[in-house]
Amino acid sequence: MLQHHKMWDVPFLETIFDQQTAAAIINKPLYTSVTKDRLVWNKENNGEYSVRSAYQLCMQELLDIYEFKVPGEWDYIWNLKVPPKVKKLSVESC
């Protein structure tokens, strides 16, 4: 966006993005009712970005992880009151 105006900096966008991406950005409306910008990560309840939430997004929405799933009562295993190394051994034995 232009620094002091509610407009896209079209020449700048066209220099850093490919034509299709720049066009997609330029076609996004800039609402005059929004007076203050802020960064928001909608995949976390508090709105803040974390590596954990990005990883979860990748695993849930961007990758087909069905082939990686191993059948079993995993919730039961993870909730056992045992040292972490025991849980790790049980996973590696599958």
N, C-alpha and C. Protein backbone atom coordinates (compact mmCIF):
# COMPACT_ATOMS: atom_id res chain seq x y z
N MET A 1 0.84 -1.18 0.00
CA MET A 1 0.00 0.00 0.00
C MET A 1 0.88 1.23 0.00
N LEU A 2 0.33 2.29 -0.53
CA LEU A 2 1.04 3.56 -0.45
C LEU A 2 1.03 4.02 1.00
N GLN A 3 2.12 4.60 1.43
CA GLN A 3 2.29 4.88 2.85
C GLN A 3 1.22 5.80 3.45
N HIS A 4 0.84 6.85 2.77
CA HIS A 4 -0.10 7.82 3.35
C HIS A 4 -1.44 7.85 2.62
N HIS A 5 -1.71 6.84 1.83
CA HIS A 5 -2.97 6.79 1.07
C HIS A 5 -3.53 5.38 1.13
N LYS A 6 -4.82 5.28 1.05
CA LYS A 6 -5.49 3.99 1.07
C LYS A 6 -5.59 3.44 -0.35
N MET A 7 -4.40 3.18 -0.93
CA MET A 7 -4.32 2.68 -2.30
C MET A 7 -3.16 1.69 -2.40
N TRP A 8 -3.32 0.73 -3.31
CA TRP A 8 -2.22 -0.20 -3.57
C TRP A 8 -1.11 0.50 -4.33
N ASP A 9 0.12 0.17 -4.01
CA ASP A 9 1.28 0.66 -4.75
C ASP A 9 1.50 -0.32 -5.91
N VAL A 10 0.74 -0.12 -6.99
CA VAL A 10 0.70 -1.06 -8.10
C VAL A 10 2.08 -1.29 -8.72
N PRO A 11 2.84 -0.24 -9.04
CA PRO A 11 4.16 -0.49 -9.64
C PRO A 11 5.07 -1.33 -8.73
N PHE A 12 5.01 -1.08 -7.44
CA PHE A 12 5.83 -1.85 -6.51
C PHE A 12 5.39 -3.32 -6.48
N LEU A 13 4.08 -3.56 -6.39
CA LEU A 13 3.57 -4.92 -6.37
C LEU A 13 3.98 -5.69 -7.63
N GLU A 14 3.94 -4.98 -8.76
CA GLU A 14 4.28 -5.64 -10.02
C GLU A 14 5.77 -5.95 -10.14
N THR A 15 6.60 -5.29 -9.33
CA THR A 15 8.03 -5.60 -9.37
C THR A 15 8.41 -6.76 -8.45
N ILE A 16 7.62 -7.01 -7.41
CA ILE A 16 8.01 -8.07 -6.46
C ILE A 16 7.20 -9.36 -6.60
N PHE A 17 6.07 -9.30 -7.31
CA PHE A 17 5.24 -10.48 -7.49
C PHE A 17 5.06 -10.78 -8.97
N ASP A 18 4.75 -12.03 -9.27
CA ASP A 18 4.42 -12.37 -10.65
C ASP A 18 3.09 -11.70 -10.99
N GLN A 19 2.77 -11.67 -12.26
CA GLN A 19 1.59 -10.92 -12.74
C GLN A 19 0.30 -11.41 -12.10
N GLN A 20 0.13 -12.71 -12.00
CA GLN A 20 -1.10 -13.27 -11.43
C GLN A 20 -1.25 -12.92 -9.95
N THR A 21 -0.18 -13.02 -9.17
CA THR A 21 -0.23 -12.70 -7.75
C THR A 21 -0.47 -11.21 -7.54
N ALA A 22 0.24 -10.37 -8.29
CA ALA A 22 0.04 -8.93 -8.19
C ALA A 22 -1.40 -8.55 -8.50
N ALA A 23 -1.97 -9.15 -9.54
CA ALA A 23 -3.36 -8.86 -9.90
C ALA A 23 -4.31 -9.29 -8.79
N ALA A 24 -4.04 -10.43 -8.17
CA ALA A 24 -4.90 -10.90 -7.07
C ALA A 24 -4.86 -9.93 -5.89
N ILE A 25 -3.68 -9.42 -5.59
CA ILE A 25 -3.53 -8.45 -4.49
C ILE A 25 -4.25 -7.15 -4.83
N ILE A 26 -4.00 -6.65 -6.03
CA ILE A 26 -4.59 -5.37 -6.46
C ILE A 26 -6.11 -5.44 -6.46
N ASN A 27 -6.67 -6.60 -6.72
CA ASN A 27 -8.12 -6.76 -6.76
C ASN A 27 -8.75 -6.89 -5.38
N LYS A 28 -7.93 -6.97 -4.34
CA LYS A 28 -8.46 -7.00 -2.97
C LYS A 28 -8.85 -5.58 -2.57
N PRO A 29 -10.07 -5.39 -2.10
CA PRO A 29 -10.49 -4.04 -1.73
C PRO A 29 -9.80 -3.54 -0.47
N LEU A 30 -9.56 -2.26 -0.44
CA LEU A 30 -9.02 -1.60 0.75
C LEU A 30 -10.16 -0.79 1.37
N TYR A 31 -10.59 -1.19 2.53
CA TYR A 31 -11.76 -0.58 3.16
C TYR A 31 -11.38 0.71 3.88
N THR A 32 -12.09 1.77 3.56
CA THR A 32 -11.82 3.06 4.20
C THR A 32 -12.18 3.05 5.68
N SER A 33 -13.07 2.16 6.06
CA SER A 33 -13.47 2.09 7.47
C SER A 33 -12.37 1.51 8.35
N VAL A 34 -11.41 0.82 7.75
CA VAL A 34 -10.29 0.28 8.51
C VAL A 34 -9.22 1.35 8.60
N THR A 35 -8.97 1.84 9.81
CA THR A 35 -8.03 2.95 9.97
C THR A 35 -6.69 2.51 10.53
N LYS A 36 -6.65 1.34 11.15
CA LYS A 36 -5.41 0.86 11.73
C LYS A 36 -5.20 -0.60 11.34
N ASP A 37 -4.03 -0.89 10.80
CA ASP A 37 -3.70 -2.26 10.43
C ASP A 37 -3.08 -2.99 11.61
N ARG A 38 -3.24 -4.29 11.63
CA ARG A 38 -2.56 -5.11 12.61
C ARG A 38 -2.38 -6.50 12.02
N LEU A 39 -1.34 -7.18 12.47
CA LEU A 39 -1.09 -8.53 12.02
C LEU A 39 -1.96 -9.49 12.81
N VAL A 40 -2.60 -10.41 12.11
CA VAL A 40 -3.47 -11.37 12.76
C VAL A 40 -3.24 -12.73 12.12
N TRP A 41 -3.09 -13.75 12.95
CA TRP A 41 -2.97 -15.13 12.49
C TRP A 41 -4.21 -15.83 12.98
N ASN A 42 -5.15 -16.09 12.08
CA ASN A 42 -6.45 -16.61 12.50
C ASN A 42 -6.44 -18.09 12.85
N LYS A 43 -5.27 -18.73 12.81
CA LYS A 43 -5.19 -20.14 13.17
C LYS A 43 -4.85 -20.34 14.64
N GLU A 44 -4.79 -19.27 15.39
CA GLU A 44 -4.48 -19.34 16.82
C GLU A 44 -5.53 -18.51 17.56
N ASN A 45 -6.02 -18.98 18.70
CA ASN A 45 -7.08 -18.27 19.42
C ASN A 45 -6.69 -16.86 19.82
N ASN A 46 -5.41 -16.65 20.14
CA ASN A 46 -4.98 -15.32 20.57
C ASN A 46 -4.57 -14.42 19.41
N GLY A 47 -4.66 -14.93 18.17
CA GLY A 47 -4.34 -14.13 17.00
C GLY A 47 -2.86 -13.99 16.71
N GLU A 48 -2.03 -14.66 17.49
CA GLU A 48 -0.58 -14.55 17.30
C GLU A 48 -0.05 -15.76 16.56
N TYR A 49 0.96 -15.52 15.73
CA TYR A 49 1.59 -16.59 14.96
C TYR A 49 2.50 -17.42 15.86
N SER A 50 2.48 -18.72 15.67
CA SER A 50 3.44 -19.59 16.35
C SER A 50 3.85 -20.68 15.38
N VAL A 51 5.02 -21.23 15.58
CA VAL A 51 5.47 -22.33 14.73
C VAL A 51 4.51 -23.51 14.88
N ARG A 52 4.05 -23.72 16.10
CA ARG A 52 3.11 -24.82 16.36
C ARG A 52 1.84 -24.66 15.53
N SER A 53 1.27 -23.46 15.50
CA SER A 53 0.03 -23.27 14.75
C SER A 53 0.28 -23.37 13.24
N ALA A 54 1.42 -22.93 12.77
CA ALA A 54 1.75 -23.07 11.34
C ALA A 54 1.92 -24.53 10.99
N TYR A 55 2.58 -25.29 11.85
CA TYR A 55 2.76 -26.72 11.62
C TYR A 55 1.40 -27.42 11.57
N GLN A 56 0.52 -27.07 12.51
CA GLN A 56 -0.80 -27.69 12.52
C GLN A 56 -1.58 -27.35 11.25
N LEU A 57 -1.46 -26.12 10.78
CA LEU A 57 -2.12 -25.73 9.55
C LEU A 57 -1.61 -26.59 8.39
N CYS A 58 -0.31 -26.74 8.30
CA CYS A 58 0.26 -27.56 7.23
C CYS A 58 -0.24 -29.00 7.31
N MET A 59 -0.23 -29.55 8.48
CA MET A 59 -0.63 -30.94 8.64
C MET A 59 -2.12 -31.16 8.41
N GLN A 60 -2.94 -30.20 8.78
CA GLN A 60 -4.39 -30.38 8.67
C GLN A 60 -4.95 -29.94 7.33
N GLU A 61 -4.44 -28.86 6.77
CA GLU A 61 -5.09 -28.27 5.62
C GLU A 61 -4.29 -28.34 4.32
N LEU A 62 -2.99 -28.40 4.42
CA LEU A 62 -2.19 -28.30 3.21
C LEU A 62 -1.64 -29.64 2.72
N LEU A 63 -1.54 -30.62 3.60
CA LEU A 63 -0.99 -31.91 3.22
C LEU A 63 -2.05 -33.00 3.35
N ASP A 64 -1.96 -33.96 2.49
CA ASP A 64 -2.82 -35.13 2.63
C ASP A 64 -2.09 -36.11 3.52
N ILE A 65 -2.43 -36.11 4.80
CA ILE A 65 -1.69 -36.92 5.76
C ILE A 65 -2.34 -38.28 6.02
N TYR A 66 -3.39 -38.58 5.30
CA TYR A 66 -4.09 -39.84 5.52
C TYR A 66 -3.15 -41.04 5.42
N GLU A 67 -2.24 -41.00 4.46
CA GLU A 67 -1.33 -42.13 4.26
C GLU A 67 -0.32 -42.29 5.40
N PHE A 68 -0.13 -41.24 6.21
CA PHE A 68 0.83 -41.31 7.32
C PHE A 68 0.20 -41.84 8.61
N LYS A 69 -1.10 -41.93 8.64
CA LYS A 69 -1.78 -42.35 9.88
C LYS A 69 -1.65 -43.86 10.07
N VAL A 70 -1.36 -44.24 11.30
CA VAL A 70 -1.26 -45.64 11.68
C VAL A 70 -2.45 -45.95 12.57
N PRO A 71 -3.22 -46.98 12.22
CA PRO A 71 -4.39 -47.28 13.05
C PRO A 71 -3.99 -47.67 14.47
N GLY A 72 -4.82 -47.31 15.39
CA GLY A 72 -4.57 -47.68 16.78
C GLY A 72 -5.20 -46.70 17.74
N GLU A 73 -5.13 -47.02 19.01
CA GLU A 73 -5.69 -46.19 20.07
C GLU A 73 -4.63 -45.19 20.54
N TRP A 74 -4.27 -44.24 19.71
CA TRP A 74 -3.17 -43.31 20.00
C TRP A 74 -3.49 -42.38 21.15
N ASP A 75 -4.73 -41.94 21.27
CA ASP A 75 -5.08 -41.06 22.39
C ASP A 75 -4.83 -41.76 23.72
N TYR A 76 -5.12 -43.04 23.75
CA TYR A 76 -4.88 -43.82 24.97
C TYR A 76 -3.39 -43.83 25.30
N ILE A 77 -2.55 -44.05 24.30
CA ILE A 77 -1.10 -44.09 24.51
C ILE A 77 -0.59 -42.74 24.99
N TRP A 78 -0.99 -41.65 24.31
CA TRP A 78 -0.46 -40.33 24.64
C TRP A 78 -0.91 -39.87 26.02
N ASN A 79 -2.03 -40.40 26.51
CA ASN A 79 -2.53 -39.98 27.82
C ASN A 79 -2.03 -40.85 28.97
N LEU A 80 -1.25 -41.88 28.66
CA LEU A 80 -0.69 -42.72 29.73
C LEU A 80 0.29 -41.91 30.58
N LYS A 81 0.34 -42.21 31.85
CA LYS A 81 1.27 -41.56 32.77
C LYS A 81 2.58 -42.34 32.79
N VAL A 82 3.35 -42.21 31.71
CA VAL A 82 4.64 -42.90 31.59
C VAL A 82 5.67 -41.89 31.10
N PRO A 83 6.96 -42.17 31.30
CA PRO A 83 7.99 -41.26 30.82
C PRO A 83 7.90 -41.09 29.29
N PRO A 84 8.23 -39.91 28.78
CA PRO A 84 8.15 -39.66 27.33
C PRO A 84 8.91 -40.67 26.49
N LYS A 85 10.05 -41.18 27.00
CA LYS A 85 10.83 -42.13 26.20
C LYS A 85 10.06 -43.43 25.97
N VAL A 86 9.17 -43.79 26.89
CA VAL A 86 8.36 -44.99 26.71
C VAL A 86 7.37 -44.77 25.57
N LYS A 87 6.75 -43.58 25.52
CA LYS A 87 5.83 -43.26 24.43
C LYS A 87 6.57 -43.28 23.10
N LYS A 88 7.78 -42.75 23.09
CA LYS A 88 8.57 -42.70 21.87
C LYS A 88 8.89 -44.12 21.39
N LEU A 89 9.24 -45.02 22.29
CA LEU A 89 9.52 -46.40 21.92
C LEU A 89 8.30 -47.08 21.35
N SER A 90 7.11 -46.78 21.92
CA SER A 90 5.90 -47.43 21.44
C SER A 90 5.57 -46.98 20.02
N VAL A 91 5.86 -45.74 19.66
CA VAL A 91 5.62 -45.24 18.32
C VAL A 91 6.62 -45.84 17.34
N GLU A 92 7.89 -45.93 17.73
CA GLU A 92 8.91 -46.46 16.84
C GLU A 92 8.72 -47.94 16.55
N SER A 93 8.05 -48.65 17.42
CA SER A 93 7.86 -50.08 17.22
C SER A 93 6.78 -50.40 16.20
N CYS A 94 6.01 -49.39 15.78
CA CYS A 94 4.91 -49.62 14.82
C CYS A 94 5.39 -49.88 13.42
